[in-house]
Every structure is written in C-alpha cells, then in structure tokens.
Amino acid sequence: MSRTWRPAVAATLKAKLLPIAVVLSFCGPARAADYTPVPAGEDLAIVGVPCRAGGPFWGPILPTAEQLPWASVWLGHFSGGRPYIDVYGQALVDWREEKLCFPSRAICLDWIREMRRAFHRPEGFWTCLLLR
C-alpha cells in the first residue's frame, strides 16, 4: 500500500465527522437553574421536580439528581390509568406515566399514593428509587 491514501481517508473522515461535531456542540449540559418545573410560589419539595434519570441525550433538558440542591434525591416513577367515556360514548383509558424527583422518600410515597388513588384501573407500575 502506498502512503497517498491516508490524507484522502483523513479528509473523508473529517468531512463526515464535522457535521456530527457541530450538532453535538449545541447539546450543552443540562442545568437545574435553567428549568422551572412549577409556578412560582409552590414548594418544589412537595410538588416534585421533573428530572432525567437515564434516557436518550436528545430528550428534553431536565435536571439530573446531581444537579438538584437536596441532600438526597428520590426518583418517583408512576404509570397507571383510569377509564373515561369520551364525547362520542367510546370507553377510553387516560394513561399516565410520570417521573419526578423528591427530596425524601416520604414525600415520594405520598405522591405515589395520590397517583394510585386517581389512576388505578388498569393498574400500572410505581416505585420510589433512591438516586443519591
């Protein structure tokens, strides 16, 4: 093999990787200060904060557990549904799947209890998981 192919390969790789680098440069780190999950005046510790635990990097910019100001962070994950009849008389299910972060397990379990009371038919999945 001759050495003339290497500059051509490098130029080809540079042409292919440059657009990817440009797109990724716009994907900055998520900061909790950039996100306001609830209206002003409400206590975030009681309401919970939408947060990101896993998931794709192209998802919405949400704070992670390490960016939240609490000493411990609990992830509350709930899914469940409730039946309702629409305006045409058709029976449908209002399905919810939500993930919120809380500063304590007790507040997380209170939120799960309220969600299970409202969305329990059909039964889904629920948990409070310690992240930090």
N, C-alpha and C. Protein backbone atom coordinates (compact mmCIF):
# COMPACT_ATOMS: atom_id res chain seq x y z
N MET A 1 0.84 -1.18 0.00
CA MET A 1 0.00 0.00 0.00
C MET A 1 0.88 1.24 0.00
N SER A 2 0.39 2.21 -0.66
CA SER A 2 1.14 3.46 -0.69
C SER A 2 0.63 4.40 0.40
N ARG A 3 1.42 5.41 0.68
CA ARG A 3 1.06 6.35 1.73
C ARG A 3 0.12 7.45 1.24
N THR A 4 -0.24 7.46 0.01
CA THR A 4 -1.09 8.52 -0.54
C THR A 4 -2.55 8.37 -0.12
N TRP A 5 -2.97 7.22 0.30
CA TRP A 5 -4.37 7.02 0.67
C TRP A 5 -4.70 7.64 2.02
N ARG A 6 -3.74 7.79 2.92
CA ARG A 6 -4.01 8.29 4.26
C ARG A 6 -4.56 9.71 4.28
N PRO A 7 -4.01 10.67 3.55
CA PRO A 7 -4.62 12.00 3.55
C PRO A 7 -6.04 11.99 2.99
N ALA A 8 -6.30 11.14 2.02
CA ALA A 8 -7.65 11.05 1.46
C ALA A 8 -8.63 10.49 2.48
N VAL A 9 -8.20 9.48 3.24
CA VAL A 9 -9.06 8.91 4.29
C VAL A 9 -9.30 9.94 5.39
N ALA A 10 -8.28 10.65 5.77
CA ALA A 10 -8.42 11.67 6.82
C ALA A 10 -9.37 12.78 6.38
N ALA A 11 -9.28 13.19 5.13
CA ALA A 11 -10.18 14.23 4.62
C ALA A 11 -11.62 13.73 4.58
N THR A 12 -11.81 12.47 4.21
CA THR A 12 -13.16 11.89 4.18
C THR A 12 -13.75 11.80 5.58
N LEU A 13 -12.94 11.33 6.54
CA LEU A 13 -13.42 11.25 7.92
C LEU A 13 -13.73 12.64 8.48
N LYS A 14 -12.90 13.60 8.18
CA LYS A 14 -13.14 14.96 8.65
C LYS A 14 -14.44 15.51 8.08
N ALA A 15 -14.70 15.24 6.81
CA ALA A 15 -15.94 15.70 6.18
C ALA A 15 -17.16 15.03 6.79
N LYS A 16 -17.04 13.78 7.22
CA LYS A 16 -18.17 13.06 7.80
C LYS A 16 -18.39 13.41 9.28
N LEU A 17 -17.30 13.64 10.01
CA LEU A 17 -17.42 13.89 11.44
C LEU A 17 -17.69 15.35 11.78
N LEU A 18 -17.39 16.27 10.89
CA LEU A 18 -17.60 17.69 11.17
C LEU A 18 -19.07 18.02 11.42
N PRO A 19 -20.02 17.55 10.59
CA PRO A 19 -21.44 17.86 10.89
C PRO A 19 -21.91 17.27 12.22
N ILE A 20 -21.40 16.11 12.57
CA ILE A 20 -21.78 15.50 13.85
C ILE A 20 -21.25 16.33 15.00
N ALA A 21 -20.01 16.81 14.88
CA ALA A 21 -19.43 17.65 15.93
C ALA A 21 -20.19 18.96 16.08
N VAL A 22 -20.64 19.51 14.97
CA VAL A 22 -21.41 20.76 15.03
C VAL A 22 -22.73 20.54 15.76
N VAL A 23 -23.42 19.46 15.46
CA VAL A 23 -24.70 19.17 16.12
C VAL A 23 -24.48 18.93 17.61
N LEU A 24 -23.46 18.16 17.96
CA LEU A 24 -23.21 17.87 19.37
C LEU A 24 -22.75 19.09 20.15
N SER A 25 -22.20 20.08 19.48
CA SER A 25 -21.76 21.28 20.19
C SER A 25 -22.94 22.07 20.73
N PHE A 26 -24.12 21.89 20.16
CA PHE A 26 -25.31 22.57 20.66
C PHE A 26 -25.94 21.83 21.83
N CYS A 27 -25.53 20.62 22.10
CA CYS A 27 -26.07 19.82 23.20
C CYS A 27 -25.25 20.08 24.45
N GLY A 28 -25.47 21.19 25.09
CA GLY A 28 -24.74 21.54 26.30
C GLY A 28 -25.28 20.77 27.48
N PRO A 29 -24.60 20.83 28.62
CA PRO A 29 -25.08 20.13 29.80
C PRO A 29 -26.35 20.78 30.35
N ALA A 30 -27.23 19.95 30.86
CA ALA A 30 -28.46 20.47 31.46
C ALA A 30 -28.14 21.07 32.82
N ARG A 31 -28.74 22.21 33.11
CA ARG A 31 -28.53 22.85 34.40
C ARG A 31 -29.89 23.03 35.07
N ALA A 32 -29.95 22.71 36.35
CA ALA A 32 -31.20 22.81 37.08
C ALA A 32 -31.70 24.24 37.14
N ALA A 33 -30.80 25.22 37.09
CA ALA A 33 -31.21 26.62 37.17
C ALA A 33 -31.93 27.07 35.91
N ASP A 34 -31.77 26.35 34.80
CA ASP A 34 -32.41 26.72 33.54
C ASP A 34 -33.85 26.23 33.46
N TYR A 35 -34.29 25.44 34.40
CA TYR A 35 -35.59 24.77 34.29
C TYR A 35 -36.48 25.15 35.46
N THR A 36 -37.68 25.64 35.18
CA THR A 36 -38.65 25.97 36.21
C THR A 36 -39.85 25.05 36.05
N PRO A 37 -39.96 23.99 36.87
CA PRO A 37 -41.00 22.99 36.67
C PRO A 37 -42.38 23.39 37.17
N VAL A 38 -42.48 24.26 38.15
CA VAL A 38 -43.79 24.61 38.72
C VAL A 38 -43.91 26.13 38.80
N PRO A 39 -45.12 26.62 38.89
CA PRO A 39 -45.30 28.07 39.02
C PRO A 39 -44.65 28.61 40.29
N ALA A 40 -44.30 29.88 40.26
CA ALA A 40 -43.66 30.50 41.41
C ALA A 40 -44.59 30.47 42.62
N GLY A 41 -44.04 30.29 43.78
CA GLY A 41 -44.82 30.27 45.00
C GLY A 41 -45.10 28.87 45.51
N GLU A 42 -44.96 27.85 44.69
CA GLU A 42 -45.19 26.48 45.15
C GLU A 42 -43.88 25.87 45.62
N ASP A 43 -43.97 25.01 46.63
CA ASP A 43 -42.79 24.38 47.20
C ASP A 43 -42.37 23.20 46.34
N LEU A 44 -41.16 23.25 45.79
CA LEU A 44 -40.69 22.18 44.92
C LEU A 44 -40.53 20.86 45.67
N ALA A 45 -40.22 20.93 46.96
CA ALA A 45 -40.03 19.71 47.73
C ALA A 45 -41.32 18.92 47.85
N ILE A 46 -42.46 19.58 47.86
CA ILE A 46 -43.74 18.88 48.00
C ILE A 46 -44.28 18.46 46.63
N VAL A 47 -44.14 19.33 45.64
CA VAL A 47 -44.68 19.06 44.31
C VAL A 47 -43.81 18.06 43.56
N GLY A 48 -42.52 18.11 43.74
CA GLY A 48 -41.60 17.27 42.98
C GLY A 48 -41.09 18.02 41.77
N VAL A 49 -39.99 17.55 41.24
CA VAL A 49 -39.34 18.19 40.10
C VAL A 49 -39.22 17.17 38.98
N PRO A 50 -39.70 17.48 37.77
CA PRO A 50 -39.41 16.59 36.65
C PRO A 50 -37.90 16.49 36.48
N CYS A 51 -37.39 15.29 36.39
CA CYS A 51 -35.95 15.10 36.30
C CYS A 51 -35.64 14.00 35.30
N ARG A 52 -34.37 13.92 34.96
CA ARG A 52 -33.94 12.93 33.99
C ARG A 52 -33.09 11.88 34.68
N ALA A 53 -33.50 10.64 34.55
CA ALA A 53 -32.73 9.51 35.06
C ALA A 53 -32.63 8.50 33.93
N GLY A 54 -31.50 8.51 33.26
CA GLY A 54 -31.34 7.67 32.08
C GLY A 54 -32.03 8.31 30.89
N GLY A 55 -32.32 7.56 29.90
CA GLY A 55 -32.99 8.08 28.72
C GLY A 55 -32.00 8.65 27.72
N PRO A 56 -32.50 8.97 26.54
CA PRO A 56 -31.61 9.45 25.48
C PRO A 56 -31.12 10.87 25.74
N PHE A 57 -29.95 11.19 25.18
CA PHE A 57 -29.37 12.52 25.39
C PHE A 57 -30.14 13.59 24.63
N TRP A 58 -30.92 13.20 23.63
CA TRP A 58 -31.65 14.20 22.85
C TRP A 58 -33.00 14.54 23.46
N GLY A 59 -33.30 13.98 24.59
CA GLY A 59 -34.56 14.27 25.27
C GLY A 59 -34.60 15.70 25.80
N PRO A 60 -35.68 16.04 26.47
CA PRO A 60 -35.80 17.40 27.00
C PRO A 60 -34.71 17.70 28.03
N ILE A 61 -34.36 18.97 28.13
CA ILE A 61 -33.33 19.38 29.09
C ILE A 61 -33.96 19.44 30.47
N LEU A 62 -33.65 18.45 31.27
CA LEU A 62 -34.16 18.35 32.63
C LEU A 62 -32.98 18.19 33.58
N PRO A 63 -33.13 18.61 34.83
CA PRO A 63 -32.03 18.42 35.79
C PRO A 63 -31.84 16.95 36.13
N THR A 64 -30.63 16.59 36.45
CA THR A 64 -30.33 15.24 36.92
C THR A 64 -30.21 15.26 38.43
N ALA A 65 -30.06 14.11 39.05
CA ALA A 65 -30.00 14.03 40.51
C ALA A 65 -28.82 14.80 41.07
N GLU A 66 -27.71 14.80 40.36
CA GLU A 66 -26.52 15.50 40.88
C GLU A 66 -26.67 17.02 40.81
N GLN A 67 -27.62 17.52 40.03
CA GLN A 67 -27.80 18.96 39.91
C GLN A 67 -28.86 19.51 40.86
N LEU A 68 -29.63 18.66 41.50
CA LEU A 68 -30.66 19.12 42.42
C LEU A 68 -30.04 19.48 43.77
N PRO A 69 -30.59 20.47 44.46
CA PRO A 69 -29.93 21.00 45.67
C PRO A 69 -30.15 20.19 46.95
N TRP A 70 -30.87 19.10 46.89
CA TRP A 70 -31.21 18.37 48.11
C TRP A 70 -30.10 17.41 48.52
N ALA A 71 -30.07 17.04 49.80
CA ALA A 71 -29.07 16.10 50.31
C ALA A 71 -29.29 14.71 49.74
N SER A 72 -30.55 14.29 49.61
CA SER A 72 -30.87 13.02 48.97
C SER A 72 -31.92 13.28 47.89
N VAL A 73 -31.89 12.46 46.86
CA VAL A 73 -32.83 12.61 45.75
C VAL A 73 -33.49 11.25 45.51
N TRP A 74 -34.83 11.26 45.52
CA TRP A 74 -35.62 10.06 45.28
C TRP A 74 -36.36 10.23 43.96
N LEU A 75 -36.27 9.21 43.10
CA LEU A 75 -36.99 9.21 41.84
C LEU A 75 -38.32 8.49 42.04
N GLY A 76 -39.40 9.20 41.81
CA GLY A 76 -40.73 8.59 41.83
C GLY A 76 -41.16 8.32 40.41
N HIS A 77 -41.45 7.05 40.11
CA HIS A 77 -41.88 6.66 38.77
C HIS A 77 -43.26 6.01 38.90
N PHE A 78 -44.22 6.54 38.16
CA PHE A 78 -45.59 6.04 38.24
C PHE A 78 -46.15 5.85 36.84
N SER A 79 -46.86 4.76 36.66
CA SER A 79 -47.67 4.57 35.46
C SER A 79 -48.97 3.90 35.88
N GLY A 80 -50.04 4.34 35.28
CA GLY A 80 -51.36 3.79 35.59
C GLY A 80 -52.42 4.53 34.79
N GLY A 81 -53.63 4.03 34.85
CA GLY A 81 -54.68 4.64 34.04
C GLY A 81 -56.01 4.70 34.76
N ARG A 82 -56.95 5.38 34.10
CA ARG A 82 -58.33 5.41 34.60
C ARG A 82 -59.24 5.50 33.38
N PRO A 83 -60.33 4.76 33.43
CA PRO A 83 -61.26 4.77 32.29
C PRO A 83 -62.11 6.04 32.28
N TYR A 84 -62.49 6.45 31.09
CA TYR A 84 -63.44 7.55 30.93
C TYR A 84 -64.18 7.37 29.61
N ILE A 85 -65.31 8.03 29.53
CA ILE A 85 -66.13 7.98 28.32
C ILE A 85 -65.96 9.31 27.59
N ASP A 86 -65.58 9.25 26.29
CA ASP A 86 -65.40 10.49 25.54
C ASP A 86 -66.76 11.03 25.07
N VAL A 87 -66.74 12.13 24.35
CA VAL A 87 -67.99 12.80 23.93
C VAL A 87 -68.80 11.95 22.97
N TYR A 88 -68.19 10.95 22.32
CA TYR A 88 -68.90 10.08 21.38
C TYR A 88 -69.38 8.78 22.02
N GLY A 89 -69.18 8.66 23.35
CA GLY A 89 -69.63 7.48 24.06
C GLY A 89 -68.65 6.31 24.02
N GLN A 90 -67.47 6.53 23.53
CA GLN A 90 -66.47 5.47 23.45
C GLN A 90 -65.69 5.40 24.76
N ALA A 91 -65.49 4.19 25.28
CA ALA A 91 -64.73 3.99 26.52
C ALA A 91 -63.24 4.02 26.21
N LEU A 92 -62.52 4.93 26.86
CA LEU A 92 -61.08 5.07 26.66
C LEU A 92 -60.37 5.02 28.01
N VAL A 93 -59.05 4.95 27.98
CA VAL A 93 -58.24 4.94 29.19
C VAL A 93 -57.32 6.15 29.17
N ASP A 94 -57.37 6.95 30.23
CA ASP A 94 -56.45 8.06 30.41
C ASP A 94 -55.21 7.50 31.10
N TRP A 95 -54.15 7.26 30.32
CA TRP A 95 -52.94 6.62 30.83
C TRP A 95 -51.90 7.67 31.17
N ARG A 96 -51.28 7.51 32.33
CA ARG A 96 -50.23 8.44 32.77
C ARG A 96 -48.96 7.66 33.05
N GLU A 97 -47.84 8.25 32.65
CA GLU A 97 -46.53 7.75 33.05
C GLU A 97 -45.69 8.97 33.37
N GLU A 98 -45.28 9.09 34.61
CA GLU A 98 -44.57 10.27 35.06
C GLU A 98 -43.37 9.88 35.91
N LYS A 99 -42.32 10.72 35.82
CA LYS A 99 -41.13 10.58 36.66
C LYS A 99 -40.86 11.93 37.29
N LEU A 100 -40.80 11.96 38.61
CA LEU A 100 -40.50 13.18 39.36
C LEU A 100 -39.44 12.87 40.40
N CYS A 101 -38.65 13.87 40.74
CA CYS A 101 -37.64 13.72 41.80
C CYS A 101 -38.12 14.43 43.06
N PHE A 102 -37.83 13.83 44.21
CA PHE A 102 -38.26 14.35 45.51
C PHE A 102 -37.08 14.34 46.47
N PRO A 103 -37.12 15.20 47.50
CA PRO A 103 -36.01 15.24 48.46
C PRO A 103 -36.09 14.17 49.54
N SER A 104 -37.24 13.50 49.68
CA SER A 104 -37.34 12.45 50.70
C SER A 104 -38.26 11.33 50.21
N ARG A 105 -38.08 10.17 50.82
CA ARG A 105 -38.88 9.00 50.46
C ARG A 105 -40.34 9.19 50.87
N ALA A 106 -40.56 9.84 51.99
CA ALA A 106 -41.94 10.04 52.48
C ALA A 106 -42.75 10.89 51.50
N ILE A 107 -42.15 11.95 50.99
CA ILE A 107 -42.86 12.80 50.03
C ILE A 107 -43.11 12.03 48.74
N CYS A 108 -42.13 11.24 48.32
CA CYS A 108 -42.29 10.42 47.11
C CYS A 108 -43.43 9.42 47.28
N LEU A 109 -43.48 8.76 48.43
CA LEU A 109 -44.56 7.79 48.68
C LEU A 109 -45.93 8.46 48.76
N ASP A 110 -46.00 9.67 49.32
CA ASP A 110 -47.26 10.42 49.32
C ASP A 110 -47.74 10.70 47.89
N TRP A 111 -46.81 11.09 47.03
CA TRP A 111 -47.16 11.36 45.62
C TRP A 111 -47.63 10.08 44.93
N ILE A 112 -46.93 8.97 45.18
CA ILE A 112 -47.34 7.68 44.60
C ILE A 112 -48.73 7.30 45.09
N ARG A 113 -49.00 7.50 46.38
CA ARG A 113 -50.31 7.16 46.95
C ARG A 113 -51.42 7.97 46.28
N GLU A 114 -51.19 9.26 46.08
CA GLU A 114 -52.20 10.10 45.41
C GLU A 114 -52.41 9.68 43.96
N MET A 115 -51.33 9.38 43.26
CA MET A 115 -51.45 8.95 41.86
C MET A 115 -52.15 7.60 41.76
N ARG A 116 -51.87 6.67 42.67
CA ARG A 116 -52.54 5.36 42.65
C ARG A 116 -54.02 5.50 42.94
N ARG A 117 -54.38 6.45 43.80
CA ARG A 117 -55.79 6.69 44.10
C ARG A 117 -56.53 7.17 42.86
N ALA A 118 -55.90 8.01 42.06
CA ALA A 118 -56.55 8.58 40.89
C ALA A 118 -56.45 7.69 39.65
N PHE A 119 -55.34 6.97 39.48
CA PHE A 119 -55.10 6.17 38.27
C PHE A 119 -54.80 4.73 38.66
N HIS A 120 -55.83 3.93 38.91
CA HIS A 120 -55.61 2.56 39.36
C HIS A 120 -56.32 1.52 38.50
N ARG A 121 -57.00 1.91 37.45
CA ARG A 121 -57.67 0.94 36.59
C ARG A 121 -57.39 1.29 35.13
N PRO A 122 -56.55 0.64 34.43
CA PRO A 122 -55.77 -0.54 34.80
C PRO A 122 -54.55 -0.17 35.64
N GLU A 123 -54.15 -1.16 36.40
CA GLU A 123 -53.00 -0.99 37.29
C GLU A 123 -51.73 -0.88 36.46
N GLY A 124 -50.82 -0.07 36.90
CA GLY A 124 -49.55 0.12 36.20
C GLY A 124 -48.38 -0.24 37.10
N PHE A 125 -47.36 0.58 37.06
CA PHE A 125 -46.13 0.35 37.80
C PHE A 125 -45.83 1.59 38.63
N TRP A 126 -45.28 1.40 39.81
CA TRP A 126 -44.90 2.55 40.64
C TRP A 126 -43.72 2.17 41.52
N THR A 127 -42.86 3.14 41.79
CA THR A 127 -41.73 2.91 42.66
C THR A 127 -41.13 4.23 43.12
N CYS A 128 -40.44 4.20 44.24
CA CYS A 128 -39.60 5.31 44.70
C CYS A 128 -38.20 4.74 44.83
N LEU A 129 -37.28 5.31 44.07
CA LEU A 129 -35.93 4.79 43.98
C LEU A 129 -34.94 5.85 44.43
N LEU A 130 -34.04 5.48 45.35
CA LEU A 130 -33.02 6.41 45.84
C LEU A 130 -31.94 6.58 44.75
N LEU A 131 -31.77 7.83 44.31
CA LEU A 131 -30.74 8.14 43.31
C LEU A 131 -29.45 8.63 43.95
N ARG A 132 -29.62 9.43 45.01
CA ARG A 132 -28.43 9.99 45.66
C ARG A 132 -28.72 10.19 47.12
